[in-house]
Amino acid sequence: MKVERLHLTRCAIAYLLKNNCKISECDEDPEEFTRNRRKKVIEIERLKDQLQSRIPKGRDLIGEEWLEILEIATTNVPQDENEAKDWQAALLRKTADVPFPVAYESNEDMTWLKNDKVVSLFGSMA
């Protein structure tokens, strides 16, 4: 009894969501529903791609990623044209050899530890 009620509740909620919270007097057109569903799936994929492209990516300072893609491209056959284009774009992309700049408030912040001694930015021992 509870399971049947749960299923009916879920069906009712799904029906209302599909029909913008309105009860329709006419029968549902399955082809129109399929088209609308497909449009939403495409829209969701586009939004996922947009969100994924907004994620910051670190720089490949030593060319490790480029070498991995080169190895993949030389040992595998692309599954489709998009994958081949992705490989080509990654191999032709020029990457910066230096990391992103870091702004420090003063030169006193610029110290590194090396062999248990403090070395300043200009290499003098402190």
Protein backbone atom coordinates (compact mmCIF):
# COMPACT_ATOMS: atom_id res chain seq x y z
CA MET A 1 0.00 0.00 0.00
CA LYS A 2 2.76 2.46 0.94
CA VAL A 3 4.82 1.48 -2.12
CA GLU A 4 1.86 2.09 -4.44
CA ARG A 5 1.22 5.45 -2.84
CA LEU A 6 4.89 6.38 -3.20
CA HIS A 7 4.82 5.47 -6.91
CA LEU A 8 1.64 7.48 -7.47
CA THR A 9 3.15 10.47 -5.68
CA ARG A 10 6.29 10.29 -7.80
CA CYS A 11 4.23 10.01 -10.99
CA ALA A 12 2.12 12.99 -9.98
CA ILE A 13 5.19 15.10 -9.21
CA ALA A 14 6.82 14.12 -12.51
CA TYR A 15 3.60 14.97 -14.40
CA LEU A 16 3.37 18.39 -12.75
CA LEU A 17 7.03 19.14 -13.43
CA LYS A 18 6.66 18.21 -17.10
CA ASN A 19 3.58 20.43 -17.49
CA ASN A 20 4.80 23.52 -15.60
CA CYS A 21 2.70 22.69 -12.52
CA LYS A 22 -0.53 22.64 -14.52
CA ILE A 23 -3.01 19.86 -15.16
CA SER A 24 -3.60 19.50 -18.87
CA GLU A 25 -7.02 18.65 -20.29
CA CYS A 26 -5.65 17.15 -23.52
CA ASP A 27 -3.55 14.02 -23.96
CA GLU A 28 0.20 14.24 -23.97
CA ASP A 29 1.97 14.09 -27.35
CA PRO A 30 4.85 11.59 -26.98
CA GLU A 31 6.78 13.06 -29.94
CA GLU A 32 6.64 16.58 -28.50
CA PHE A 33 7.74 15.26 -25.13
CA THR A 34 10.68 13.47 -26.78
CA ARG A 35 11.69 16.67 -28.62
CA ASN A 36 11.45 18.79 -25.46
CA ARG A 37 13.43 16.23 -23.48
CA ARG A 38 16.15 16.12 -26.15
CA LYS A 39 16.37 19.94 -26.13
CA LYS A 40 16.83 19.92 -22.36
CA VAL A 41 19.49 17.21 -22.53
CA ILE A 42 21.44 19.29 -25.08
CA GLU A 43 21.02 22.40 -22.94
CA ILE A 44 22.31 20.55 -19.87
CA GLU A 45 25.35 19.29 -21.82
CA ARG A 46 26.13 22.84 -22.99
CA LEU A 47 25.86 24.14 -19.45
CA LYS A 48 28.16 21.37 -18.20
CA ASP A 49 30.71 22.27 -20.89
CA GLN A 50 30.51 25.95 -19.94
CA LEU A 51 31.01 25.18 -16.27
CA GLN A 52 33.88 22.82 -17.02
CA SER A 53 35.64 25.44 -19.14
CA ARG A 54 35.41 27.97 -16.28
CA ILE A 55 37.49 25.80 -13.95
CA PRO A 56 41.01 27.27 -13.74
CA LYS A 57 43.74 25.09 -15.13
CA GLY A 58 47.34 25.11 -13.99
CA ARG A 59 50.15 25.62 -16.45
CA ASP A 60 52.15 22.69 -17.77
CA LEU A 61 55.59 24.05 -16.90
CA ILE A 62 57.61 20.96 -17.82
CA GLY A 63 55.61 19.80 -20.85
CA GLU A 64 54.38 16.64 -19.16
CA GLU A 65 50.82 16.98 -20.43
CA TRP A 66 52.04 17.64 -23.99
CA LEU A 67 54.18 14.48 -23.90
CA GLU A 68 51.24 12.42 -22.60
CA ILE A 69 48.99 13.65 -25.42
CA LEU A 70 51.73 13.00 -27.96
CA GLU A 71 52.10 9.44 -26.70
CA ILE A 72 48.34 8.89 -26.82
CA ALA A 73 48.08 10.38 -30.33
CA THR A 74 50.92 8.24 -31.69
CA THR A 75 49.79 4.94 -30.17
CA ASN A 76 45.99 5.20 -30.52
CA VAL A 77 43.48 5.85 -33.25
CA PRO A 78 40.95 8.59 -32.45
CA GLN A 79 37.40 7.35 -31.93
CA ASP A 80 35.88 10.27 -33.81
CA GLU A 81 36.78 13.54 -35.49
CA ASN A 82 36.25 15.58 -32.31
CA GLU A 83 38.83 13.53 -30.42
CA ALA A 84 41.33 14.01 -33.26
CA LYS A 85 40.70 17.76 -33.22
CA ASP A 86 41.18 17.85 -29.43
CA TRP A 87 44.51 16.04 -29.75
CA GLN A 88 45.65 18.33 -32.53
CA ALA A 89 44.64 21.46 -30.62
CA ALA A 90 46.46 20.26 -27.50
CA LEU A 91 49.62 19.47 -29.44
CA LEU A 92 49.65 22.79 -31.31
CA ARG A 93 48.82 24.91 -28.24
CA LYS A 94 51.76 26.94 -26.97
CA THR A 95 52.03 27.01 -23.20
CA ALA A 96 53.85 29.55 -21.08
CA ASP A 97 57.13 28.39 -19.60
CA VAL A 98 56.78 30.42 -16.42
CA PRO A 99 54.20 30.12 -13.64
CA PHE A 100 51.63 32.78 -12.92
CA PRO A 101 53.10 35.88 -11.24
CA VAL A 102 52.78 36.19 -7.48
CA ALA A 103 52.48 39.62 -5.88
CA TYR A 104 54.16 40.05 -2.51
CA GLU A 105 53.57 42.95 -0.14
CA SER A 106 57.26 43.51 0.63
CA ASN A 107 60.65 42.00 -0.13
CA GLU A 108 60.76 40.59 3.41
CA ASP A 109 58.18 38.01 2.35
CA MET A 110 60.56 36.63 -0.28
CA THR A 111 62.57 34.00 1.61
CA TRP A 112 63.21 30.33 1.03
CA LEU A 113 64.70 27.67 3.25
CA LYS A 114 67.67 25.83 1.81
CA ASN A 115 69.87 23.49 3.81
CA ASP A 116 68.44 24.87 7.06
CA LYS A 117 69.61 28.39 6.15
CA VAL A 118 67.45 31.27 5.00
CA VAL A 119 68.26 32.46 1.49
CA SER A 120 66.78 35.75 0.32
CA LEU A 121 65.58 36.49 -3.18
CA PHE A 122 68.99 37.82 -4.25
CA GLY A 123 70.92 34.83 -2.87
CA SER A 124 72.61 36.43 0.13
CA MET A 125 72.75 34.36 3.29
CA ALA A 126 70.92 35.70 6.34
